[in-house]
Amino acid sequence: MKKEKIRKEPFIYRFLYPGIISLFRIIFRPDFYGKENIPKDGAFVLAGNHIKFLDCFMVIASTRRCIHFLAKAELFKYPITNWFFNTAGIIPVHRERKDKAALEDAIKYLNHGCAVGIFPEGRVNKTEERLLPLKFGAVKMASETNTIVVPFSINGSYKPFKKSIDITFHEPTYIDPRNLAEENERLYKIIYSGLR
């Protein structure tokens, strides 16, 4: 992703946002807690647990900020989806390896004052564990850009027309670059603390 391709507020994102998010809220009736912890401007990383593919909509519905999510590269394999996700400012990640290009792209967005969303578990959690071990992407990009992380915890299930899902945004925190392993564990504990 070259510098000139940075789109802080992609048109297609803003164009589709009202309709998609209104429909999401009508169908799933989500509850939001701690929305005041989401910065109204400036760069930050949103990092939390991943229970369903709908989680990105859950996060997006909580704020008017444009969120540039990291998403699995498989979603980009068709020409139309490749165009759509790239145009919407979504960052592809090759999950089978350490994807330095994805990390670099996310850092570019942060350096341009954007918000980046990531599910550091790396995949949807289909196990009985409340939270899978976190990969280092969130703490790595935050530490390299001196950007705050806003952890979030999603609870419940996506049952149509029932109040069954909620998200809690925890207080923003900075990442100490001197020990990313400890900071990753601290992020894990914050996210876990909000799970039921």
Protein backbone atom coordinates (compact mmCIF):
# COMPACT_ATOMS: atom_id res chain seq x y z
CA MET A 1 0.00 0.00 0.00
CA LYS A 2 1.66 3.17 -1.18
CA LYS A 3 1.31 6.45 0.66
CA GLU A 4 -0.97 7.95 -1.97
CA LYS A 5 -3.43 5.07 -1.54
CA ILE A 6 -4.13 5.91 2.10
CA ARG A 7 -7.82 6.73 2.36
CA LYS A 8 -8.60 7.91 5.87
CA GLU A 9 -12.33 8.15 5.15
CA PRO A 10 -13.08 5.91 2.13
CA PHE A 11 -16.14 7.05 0.21
CA ILE A 12 -17.60 3.56 -0.11
CA TYR A 13 -17.29 3.07 3.66
CA ARG A 14 -19.14 6.30 4.38
CA PHE A 15 -21.70 5.65 1.63
CA LEU A 16 -22.66 2.20 2.94
CA TYR A 17 -22.26 2.92 6.67
CA PRO A 18 -25.73 4.38 7.45
CA GLY A 19 -27.72 1.62 5.76
CA ILE A 20 -25.66 -1.35 6.89
CA ILE A 21 -25.26 -0.20 10.49
CA SER A 22 -28.92 0.80 10.84
CA LEU A 23 -29.94 -2.65 9.61
CA PHE A 24 -27.45 -4.31 11.96
CA ARG A 25 -28.82 -2.39 14.95
CA ILE A 26 -32.43 -3.17 14.05
CA ILE A 27 -31.78 -6.90 13.64
CA PHE A 28 -29.40 -7.55 16.54
CA ARG A 29 -30.23 -4.73 18.98
CA PRO A 30 -26.70 -4.57 20.45
CA ASP A 31 -25.76 -2.87 23.71
CA PHE A 32 -22.64 -0.69 23.89
CA TYR A 33 -20.73 0.07 27.08
CA GLY A 34 -17.76 2.38 27.51
CA LYS A 35 -18.21 4.17 24.18
CA GLU A 36 -16.67 7.25 25.79
CA ASN A 37 -13.33 5.38 25.71
CA ILE A 38 -13.27 5.52 21.90
CA PRO A 39 -11.29 8.62 20.81
CA LYS A 40 -13.15 11.09 18.62
CA ASP A 41 -9.98 11.90 16.70
CA GLY A 42 -6.39 10.76 16.27
CA ALA A 43 -4.91 7.33 15.77
CA PHE A 44 -5.72 4.32 17.93
CA VAL A 45 -5.94 0.53 17.80
CA LEU A 46 -9.15 -1.32 18.65
CA ALA A 47 -8.37 -4.86 19.81
CA GLY A 48 -10.68 -7.50 21.20
CA ASN A 49 -12.09 -11.00 21.11
CA HIS A 50 -13.61 -12.62 18.04
CA ILE A 51 -16.74 -14.77 18.40
CA LYS A 52 -18.47 -14.41 15.00
CA PHE A 53 -17.82 -12.92 11.57
CA LEU A 54 -20.33 -10.20 12.53
CA ASP A 55 -17.98 -8.80 15.17
CA CYS A 56 -16.54 -6.19 12.79
CA PHE A 57 -20.06 -4.76 12.31
CA MET A 58 -20.50 -4.74 16.08
CA VAL A 59 -17.39 -2.60 16.48
CA ILE A 60 -18.20 -0.35 13.53
CA ALA A 61 -21.73 0.25 14.83
CA SER A 62 -20.33 1.64 18.08
CA THR A 63 -18.61 4.69 16.58
CA ARG A 64 -18.77 7.20 13.76
CA ARG A 65 -15.02 6.82 13.29
CA CYS A 66 -13.94 4.93 10.19
CA ILE A 67 -12.31 1.67 11.32
CA HIS A 68 -9.69 0.08 9.07
CA PHE A 69 -9.92 -3.59 9.98
CA LEU A 70 -7.36 -6.29 9.32
CA ALA A 71 -9.13 -9.18 7.59
CA LYS A 72 -8.10 -12.58 6.27
CA ALA A 73 -6.61 -12.45 2.79
CA GLU A 74 -9.03 -15.13 1.57
CA LEU A 75 -11.73 -12.46 1.45
CA PHE A 76 -9.76 -10.66 -1.27
CA LYS A 77 -9.36 -13.57 -3.69
CA TYR A 78 -12.19 -12.58 -6.06
CA PRO A 79 -11.91 -9.44 -8.23
CA ILE A 80 -15.12 -7.85 -6.90
CA THR A 81 -14.35 -8.52 -3.23
CA ASN A 82 -10.72 -7.48 -3.73
CA TRP A 83 -11.91 -4.16 -5.19
CA PHE A 84 -14.54 -3.65 -2.50
CA PHE A 85 -12.36 -4.37 0.53
CA ASN A 86 -9.41 -2.40 -0.82
CA THR A 87 -11.66 0.54 -1.64
CA ALA A 88 -13.17 0.39 1.85
CA GLY A 89 -9.73 0.56 3.46
CA ILE A 90 -9.64 -3.01 4.75
CA ILE A 91 -6.16 -4.50 5.27
CA PRO A 92 -5.58 -8.09 4.03
CA VAL A 93 -3.69 -10.48 6.30
CA HIS A 94 -2.15 -13.82 5.31
CA ARG A 95 -2.80 -15.82 8.46
CA GLU A 96 -0.61 -18.81 7.61
CA ARG A 97 2.53 -16.75 8.18
CA LYS A 98 3.79 -13.61 9.90
CA ASP A 99 2.50 -11.02 7.46
CA LYS A 100 4.92 -8.10 7.64
CA ALA A 101 3.18 -6.31 4.78
CA ALA A 102 -0.13 -6.26 6.69
CA LEU A 103 1.60 -4.88 9.77
CA GLU A 104 3.31 -2.21 7.68
CA ASP A 105 0.01 -1.22 6.09
CA ALA A 106 -1.69 -0.95 9.49
CA ILE A 107 1.18 1.19 10.77
CA LYS A 108 0.79 3.51 7.77
CA TYR A 109 -2.86 4.02 8.60
CA LEU A 110 -1.99 4.77 12.23
CA ASN A 111 0.71 7.22 11.17
CA HIS A 112 -1.96 9.03 9.18
CA GLY A 113 -4.17 9.44 12.26
CA CYS A 114 -6.55 6.59 11.44
CA ALA A 115 -8.25 3.98 13.61
CA VAL A 116 -7.25 0.34 13.05
CA GLY A 117 -9.32 -2.62 14.22
CA ILE A 118 -7.86 -6.04 14.91
CA PHE A 119 -8.92 -9.34 16.45
CA PRO A 120 -5.59 -10.47 17.94
CA GLU A 121 -6.80 -14.05 18.45
CA GLY A 122 -6.25 -14.31 14.70
CA ARG A 123 -9.48 -16.14 13.94
CA VAL A 124 -13.01 -16.70 15.17
CA ASN A 125 -12.90 -18.53 18.48
CA LYS A 126 -14.85 -21.78 18.01
CA THR A 127 -13.44 -23.45 21.12
CA GLU A 128 -14.79 -23.71 24.66
CA GLU A 129 -12.13 -21.25 25.85
CA ARG A 130 -13.34 -17.72 26.50
CA LEU A 131 -10.29 -16.22 24.84
CA LEU A 132 -7.56 -17.71 22.67
CA PRO A 133 -3.89 -16.67 23.07
CA LEU A 134 -3.29 -13.32 21.40
CA LYS A 135 -0.94 -12.82 18.49
CA PHE A 136 1.39 -9.84 18.73
CA GLY A 137 -0.02 -7.68 15.93
CA ALA A 138 -1.98 -5.29 18.14
CA VAL A 139 0.80 -4.54 20.63
CA LYS A 140 3.42 -4.46 17.87
CA MET A 141 1.68 -1.83 15.74
CA ALA A 142 0.73 0.23 18.78
CA SER A 143 4.24 0.22 20.21
CA GLU A 144 5.86 1.13 16.90
CA THR A 145 3.57 4.13 16.44
CA ASN A 146 3.20 5.15 20.11
CA THR A 147 -0.54 4.73 19.65
CA ILE A 148 -3.11 3.93 22.31
CA VAL A 149 -4.97 0.63 22.33
CA VAL A 150 -8.66 0.51 23.19
CA PRO A 151 -9.40 -3.09 24.24
CA PHE A 152 -12.92 -4.42 23.83
CA SER A 153 -14.86 -7.46 25.00
CA ILE A 154 -17.82 -8.92 23.09
CA ASN A 155 -20.33 -11.07 24.97
CA GLY A 156 -23.38 -13.04 23.93
CA SER A 157 -24.61 -14.29 20.59
CA TYR A 158 -26.15 -12.76 17.50
CA LYS A 159 -29.81 -13.71 17.87
CA PRO A 160 -32.03 -11.72 15.47
CA PHE A 161 -34.46 -9.29 17.10
CA LYS A 162 -33.35 -10.18 20.62
CA LYS A 163 -31.07 -8.30 22.99
CA SER A 164 -28.42 -11.00 23.10
CA ILE A 165 -25.12 -9.27 22.25
CA ASP A 166 -23.08 -6.49 23.85
CA ILE A 167 -19.64 -4.95 23.66
CA THR A 168 -17.60 -3.20 26.34
CA PHE A 169 -14.81 -0.78 25.48
CA HIS A 170 -12.13 -0.59 28.16
CA GLU A 171 -9.99 2.41 29.03
CA PRO A 172 -7.32 3.28 26.45
CA THR A 173 -3.82 2.14 27.28
CA TYR A 174 -0.33 2.70 25.89
CA ILE A 175 1.97 -0.21 25.12
CA ASP A 176 5.45 -0.33 26.65
CA PRO A 177 7.76 -1.32 23.77
CA ARG A 178 10.40 -2.71 26.13
CA ASN A 179 8.55 -5.97 26.72
CA LEU A 180 5.87 -6.84 24.19
CA ALA A 181 5.32 -10.29 25.70
CA GLU A 182 4.27 -8.77 29.02
CA GLU A 183 2.18 -6.13 27.27
CA ASN A 184 0.44 -8.78 25.17
CA GLU A 185 -0.38 -10.68 28.34
CA ARG A 186 -1.69 -7.47 29.93
CA LEU A 187 -3.91 -6.87 26.88
CA TYR A 188 -5.16 -10.45 27.17
CA LYS A 189 -6.13 -9.89 30.82
CA ILE A 190 -7.97 -6.65 30.05
CA ILE A 191 -10.02 -8.26 27.28
CA TYR A 192 -10.66 -11.36 29.38
CA SER A 193 -11.83 -9.26 32.33
CA GLY A 194 -14.80 -8.11 30.30
CA LEU A 195 -15.91 -11.58 29.20
CA ARG A 196 -18.74 -13.49 30.84
